[in-house]
């Protein structure tokens, strides 16, 4: 199906080294690079950068 090709499911892993992940979808057409977002990491109890892993 075309849906899975245009908006794949990706994992966002914490850069704090806790191993916490978020799962989301992204548009390959608009953001071909790896995604980097600041999100809350409940293990360290603060906002840290999460990076897309493949």
PDB file of N, CA and C in Angstrom:
ATOM      1  N   UNK A   1       0.823  -1.181   0.000  1.00  0.00           N
ATOM      2  CA  UNK A   1       0.000   0.000   0.000  1.00  0.00           C
ATOM      3  C   UNK A   1       0.874   1.254   0.000  1.00  0.00           C
ATOM      4  N   UNK A   2       0.361   2.327  -0.545  1.00  0.00           N
ATOM      5  CA  UNK A   2       1.114   3.570  -0.641  1.00  0.00           C
ATOM      6  C   UNK A   2       1.232   4.273   0.709  1.00  0.00           C
ATOM      7  N   UNK A   3       0.312   4.004   1.615  1.00  0.00           N
ATOM      8  CA  UNK A   3       0.326   4.696   2.897  1.00  0.00           C
ATOM      9  C   UNK A   3       1.605   4.429   3.688  1.00  0.00           C
ATOM     10  N   UNK A   4       2.058   3.217   3.718  1.00  0.00           N
ATOM     11  CA  UNK A   4       3.245   2.886   4.498  1.00  0.00           C
ATOM     12  C   UNK A   4       4.518   3.453   3.869  1.00  0.00           C
ATOM     13  N   UNK A   5       4.506   3.714   2.572  1.00  0.00           N
ATOM     14  CA  UNK A   5       5.691   4.243   1.916  1.00  0.00           C
ATOM     15  C   UNK A   5       5.870   5.732   2.155  1.00  0.00           C
ATOM     16  N   UNK A   6       4.774   6.492   2.196  1.00  0.00           N
ATOM     17  CA  UNK A   6       4.899   7.938   2.335  1.00  0.00           C
ATOM     18  C   UNK A   6       5.060   8.379   3.790  1.00  0.00           C
ATOM     19  N   UNK A   7       4.449   7.667   4.729  1.00  0.00           N
ATOM     20  CA  UNK A   7       4.548   8.025   6.146  1.00  0.00           C
ATOM     21  C   UNK A   7       4.966   6.805   6.961  1.00  0.00           C
ATOM     22  N   UNK A   8       6.250   6.481   6.983  1.00  0.00           N
ATOM     23  CA  UNK A   8       6.684   5.288   7.714  1.00  0.00           C
ATOM     24  C   UNK A   8       6.679   5.504   9.230  1.00  0.00           C
ATOM     25  N   UNK A   9       6.586   4.414   9.964  1.00  0.00           N
ATOM     26  CA  UNK A   9       6.678   4.446  11.423  1.00  0.00           C
ATOM     27  C   UNK A   9       8.162   4.512  11.780  1.00  0.00           C
ATOM     28  N   UNK A  10       8.525   5.462  12.655  1.00  0.00           N
ATOM     29  CA  UNK A  10       9.917   5.612  13.079  1.00  0.00           C
ATOM     30  C   UNK A  10       9.996   5.579  14.596  1.00  0.00           C
ATOM     31  N   UNK A  11      11.179   5.232  15.107  1.00  0.00           N
ATOM     32  CA  UNK A  11      11.441   5.258  16.550  1.00  0.00           C
ATOM     33  C   UNK A  11      12.296   6.477  16.857  1.00  0.00           C
ATOM     34  N   UNK A  12      11.969   7.167  17.949  1.00  0.00           N
ATOM     35  CA  UNK A  12      12.780   8.267  18.449  1.00  0.00           C
ATOM     36  C   UNK A  12      13.424   7.790  19.750  1.00  0.00           C
ATOM     37  N   UNK A  13      14.752   7.733  19.794  1.00  0.00           N
ATOM     38  CA  UNK A  13      15.476   7.244  20.966  1.00  0.00           C
ATOM     39  C   UNK A  13      16.108   8.417  21.705  1.00  0.00           C
ATOM     40  N   UNK A  14      16.061   8.373  23.020  1.00  0.00           N
ATOM     41  CA  UNK A  14      16.598   9.430  23.874  1.00  0.00           C
ATOM     42  C   UNK A  14      18.121   9.520  23.755  1.00  0.00           C
ATOM     43  N   UNK A  15      18.638  10.753  23.750  1.00  0.00           N
ATOM     44  CA  UNK A  15      20.083  10.953  23.718  1.00  0.00           C
ATOM     45  C   UNK A  15      20.676  10.957  25.124  1.00  0.00           C
ATOM     46  N   UNK A  16      19.819  10.857  26.154  1.00  0.00           N
ATOM     47  CA  UNK A  16      20.307  10.840  27.537  1.00  0.00           C
ATOM     48  C   UNK A  16      20.864   9.475  27.928  1.00  0.00           C
ATOM     49  N   UNK A  17      20.726   8.490  27.058  1.00  0.00           N
ATOM     50  CA  UNK A  17      21.278   7.174  27.356  1.00  0.00           C
ATOM     51  C   UNK A  17      20.384   6.303  28.217  1.00  0.00           C
ATOM     52  N   UNK A  18      19.114   6.657  28.340  1.00  0.00           N
ATOM     53  CA  UNK A  18      18.210   5.889  29.180  1.00  0.00           C
ATOM     54  C   UNK A  18      17.543   4.753  28.428  1.00  0.00           C
ATOM     55  N   UNK A  19      17.542   4.799  27.112  1.00  0.00           N
ATOM     56  CA  UNK A  19      16.904   3.764  26.324  1.00  0.00           C
ATOM     57  C   UNK A  19      15.427   3.990  26.087  1.00  0.00           C
ATOM     58  N   UNK A  20      14.886   5.116  26.566  1.00  0.00           N
ATOM     59  CA  UNK A  20      13.466   5.413  26.376  1.00  0.00           C
ATOM     60  C   UNK A  20      13.213   5.778  24.917  1.00  0.00           C
ATOM     61  N   UNK A  21      12.108   5.284  24.343  1.00  0.00           N
ATOM     62  CA  UNK A  21      11.782   5.564  22.945  1.00  0.00           C
ATOM     63  C   UNK A  21      10.351   6.044  22.814  1.00  0.00           C
ATOM     64  N   UNK A  22      10.117   6.824  21.778  1.00  0.00           N
ATOM     65  CA  UNK A  22       8.787   7.201  21.337  1.00  0.00           C
ATOM     66  C   UNK A  22       8.623   6.646  19.931  1.00  0.00           C
ATOM     67  N   UNK A  23       7.398   6.326  19.536  1.00  0.00           N
ATOM     68  CA  UNK A  23       7.115   5.845  18.192  1.00  0.00           C
ATOM     69  C   UNK A  23       6.176   6.838  17.534  1.00  0.00           C
ATOM     70  N   UNK A  24       6.496   7.245  16.306  1.00  0.00           N
ATOM     71  CA  UNK A  24       5.678   8.215  15.584  1.00  0.00           C
ATOM     72  C   UNK A  24       5.781   7.951  14.089  1.00  0.00           C
ATOM     73  N   UNK A  25       5.109   8.739  13.304  1.00  0.00           N
ATOM     74  CA  UNK A  25       5.190   8.674  11.845  1.00  0.00           C
ATOM     75  C   UNK A  25       5.755   9.980  11.326  1.00  0.00           C
ATOM     76  N   UNK A  26       6.382   9.933  10.145  1.00  0.00           N
ATOM     77  CA  UNK A  26       6.888  11.158   9.547  1.00  0.00           C
ATOM     78  C   UNK A  26       6.701  11.099   8.043  1.00  0.00           C
ATOM     79  N   UNK A  27       6.709  12.255   7.426  1.00  0.00           N
ATOM     80  CA  UNK A  27       6.588  12.354   5.981  1.00  0.00           C
ATOM     81  C   UNK A  27       7.979  12.361   5.365  1.00  0.00           C
ATOM     82  N   UNK A  28       8.272  11.377   4.553  1.00  0.00           N
ATOM     83  CA  UNK A  28       9.585  11.331   3.898  1.00  0.00           C
ATOM     84  C   UNK A  28       9.750  12.460   2.894  1.00  0.00           C
ATOM     85  N   UNK A  29       8.666  12.905   2.302  1.00  0.00           N
ATOM     86  CA  UNK A  29       8.728  13.965   1.299  1.00  0.00           C
ATOM     87  C   UNK A  29       9.124  15.307   1.927  1.00  0.00           C
ATOM     88  N   UNK A  30       8.576  15.626   3.097  1.00  0.00           N
ATOM     89  CA  UNK A  30       8.859  16.910   3.746  1.00  0.00           C
ATOM     90  C   UNK A  30      10.129  16.894   4.578  1.00  0.00           C
ATOM     91  N   UNK A  31      10.447  15.769   5.205  1.00  0.00           N
ATOM     92  CA  UNK A  31      11.632  15.662   6.059  1.00  0.00           C
ATOM     93  C   UNK A  31      12.431  14.421   5.693  1.00  0.00           C
ATOM     94  N   UNK A  32      13.270  14.497   4.660  1.00  0.00           N
ATOM     95  CA  UNK A  32      14.055  13.325   4.269  1.00  0.00           C
ATOM     96  C   UNK A  32      15.200  13.020   5.235  1.00  0.00           C
ATOM     97  N   UNK A  33      15.633  14.019   6.024  1.00  0.00           N
ATOM     98  CA  UNK A  33      16.717  13.817   6.985  1.00  0.00           C
ATOM     99  C   UNK A  33      16.179  13.129   8.235  1.00  0.00           C
ATOM    100  N   UNK A  34      17.106  12.720   9.091  1.00  0.00           N
ATOM    101  CA  UNK A  34      16.688  12.114  10.359  1.00  0.00           C
ATOM    102  C   UNK A  34      16.066  13.177  11.257  1.00  0.00           C
ATOM    103  N   UNK A  35      15.005  12.803  11.925  1.00  0.00           N
ATOM    104  CA  UNK A  35      14.246  13.704  12.763  1.00  0.00           C
ATOM    105  C   UNK A  35      14.917  13.874  14.124  1.00  0.00           C
ATOM    106  N   UNK A  36      14.907  15.111  14.645  1.00  0.00           N
ATOM    107  CA  UNK A  36      15.446  15.415  15.977  1.00  0.00           C
ATOM    108  C   UNK A  36      14.426  16.297  16.686  1.00  0.00           C
ATOM    109  N   UNK A  37      13.893  15.802  17.818  1.00  0.00           N
ATOM    110  CA  UNK A  37      12.881  16.529  18.566  1.00  0.00           C
ATOM    111  C   UNK A  37      13.244  16.555  20.041  1.00  0.00           C
ATOM    112  N   UNK A  38      12.843  17.626  20.730  1.00  0.00           N
ATOM    113  CA  UNK A  38      12.981  17.671  22.183  1.00  0.00           C
ATOM    114  C   UNK A  38      11.681  17.168  22.781  1.00  0.00           C
ATOM    115  N   UNK A  39      11.783  16.089  23.560  1.00  0.00           N
ATOM    116  CA  UNK A  39      10.614  15.499  24.190  1.00  0.00           C
ATOM    117  C   UNK A  39      10.957  15.132  25.632  1.00  0.00           C
ATOM    118  N   UNK A  40       9.921  14.805  26.403  1.00  0.00           N
ATOM    119  CA  UNK A  40      10.099  14.486  27.813  1.00  0.00           C
ATOM    120  C   UNK A  40      10.584  13.053  27.985  1.00  0.00           C
ATOM    121  N   UNK A  41      11.647  12.899  28.762  1.00  0.00           N
ATOM    122  CA  UNK A  41      12.160  11.571  29.105  1.00  0.00           C
ATOM    123  C   UNK A  41      11.807  11.313  30.566  1.00  0.00           C
ATOM    124  N   UNK A  42      10.869  10.387  30.825  1.00  0.00           N
ATOM    125  CA  UNK A  42      10.428  10.160  32.205  1.00  0.00           C
ATOM    126  C   UNK A  42      11.482   9.520  33.093  1.00  0.00           C
ATOM    127  N   UNK A  43      12.507   8.907  32.524  1.00  0.00           N
ATOM    128  CA  UNK A  43      13.544   8.269  33.334  1.00  0.00           C
ATOM    129  C   UNK A  43      14.405   9.336  34.009  1.00  0.00           C
ATOM    130  N   UNK A  44      14.811  10.360  33.263  1.00  0.00           N
ATOM    131  CA  UNK A  44      15.626  11.436  33.848  1.00  0.00           C
ATOM    132  C   UNK A  44      14.764  12.615  34.292  1.00  0.00           C
ATOM    133  N   UNK A  45      13.467  12.551  34.023  1.00  0.00           N
ATOM    134  CA  UNK A  45      12.471  13.548  34.416  1.00  0.00           C
ATOM    135  C   UNK A  45      12.777  14.952  33.912  1.00  0.00           C
ATOM    136  N   UNK A  46      13.140  15.044  32.637  1.00  0.00           N
ATOM    137  CA  UNK A  46      13.313  16.355  31.997  1.00  0.00           C
ATOM    138  C   UNK A  46      13.247  16.198  30.488  1.00  0.00           C
ATOM    139  N   UNK A  47      13.194  17.312  29.782  1.00  0.00           N
ATOM    140  CA  UNK A  47      13.154  17.285  28.333  1.00  0.00           C
ATOM    141  C   UNK A  47      14.566  17.133  27.778  1.00  0.00           C
ATOM    142  N   UNK A  48      14.730  16.204  26.870  1.00  0.00           N
ATOM    143  CA  UNK A  48      16.023  15.966  26.208  1.00  0.00           C
ATOM    144  C   UNK A  48      15.760  15.776  24.723  1.00  0.00           C
ATOM    145  N   UNK A  49      16.838  15.754  23.947  1.00  0.00           N
ATOM    146  CA  UNK A  49      16.698  15.558  22.518  1.00  0.00           C
ATOM    147  C   UNK A  49      16.523  14.075  22.193  1.00  0.00           C
ATOM    148  N   UNK A  50      15.581  13.812  21.328  1.00  0.00           N
ATOM    149  CA  UNK A  50      15.332  12.457  20.827  1.00  0.00           C
ATOM    150  C   UNK A  50      15.693  12.454  19.351  1.00  0.00           C
ATOM    151  N   UNK A  51      16.410  11.423  18.906  1.00  0.00           N
ATOM    152  CA  UNK A  51      16.817  11.312  17.515  1.00  0.00           C
ATOM    153  C   UNK A  51      16.190  10.092  16.870  1.00  0.00           C
ATOM    154  N   UNK A  52      15.915  10.223  15.586  1.00  0.00           N
ATOM    155  CA  UNK A  52      15.368   9.101  14.825  1.00  0.00           C
ATOM    156  C   UNK A  52      16.422   8.024  14.672  1.00  0.00           C
ATOM    157  N   UNK A  53      16.025   6.801  14.906  1.00  0.00           N
ATOM    158  CA  UNK A  53      16.940   5.678  14.663  1.00  0.00           C
ATOM    159  C   UNK A  53      16.347   4.811  13.576  1.00  0.00           C
ATOM    160  N   UNK A  54      17.230   4.123  12.856  1.00  0.00           N
ATOM    161  CA  UNK A  54      16.756   3.306  11.742  1.00  0.00           C
ATOM    162  C   UNK A  54      17.009   1.853  12.015  1.00  0.00           C
TER     163      UNK A  54
END
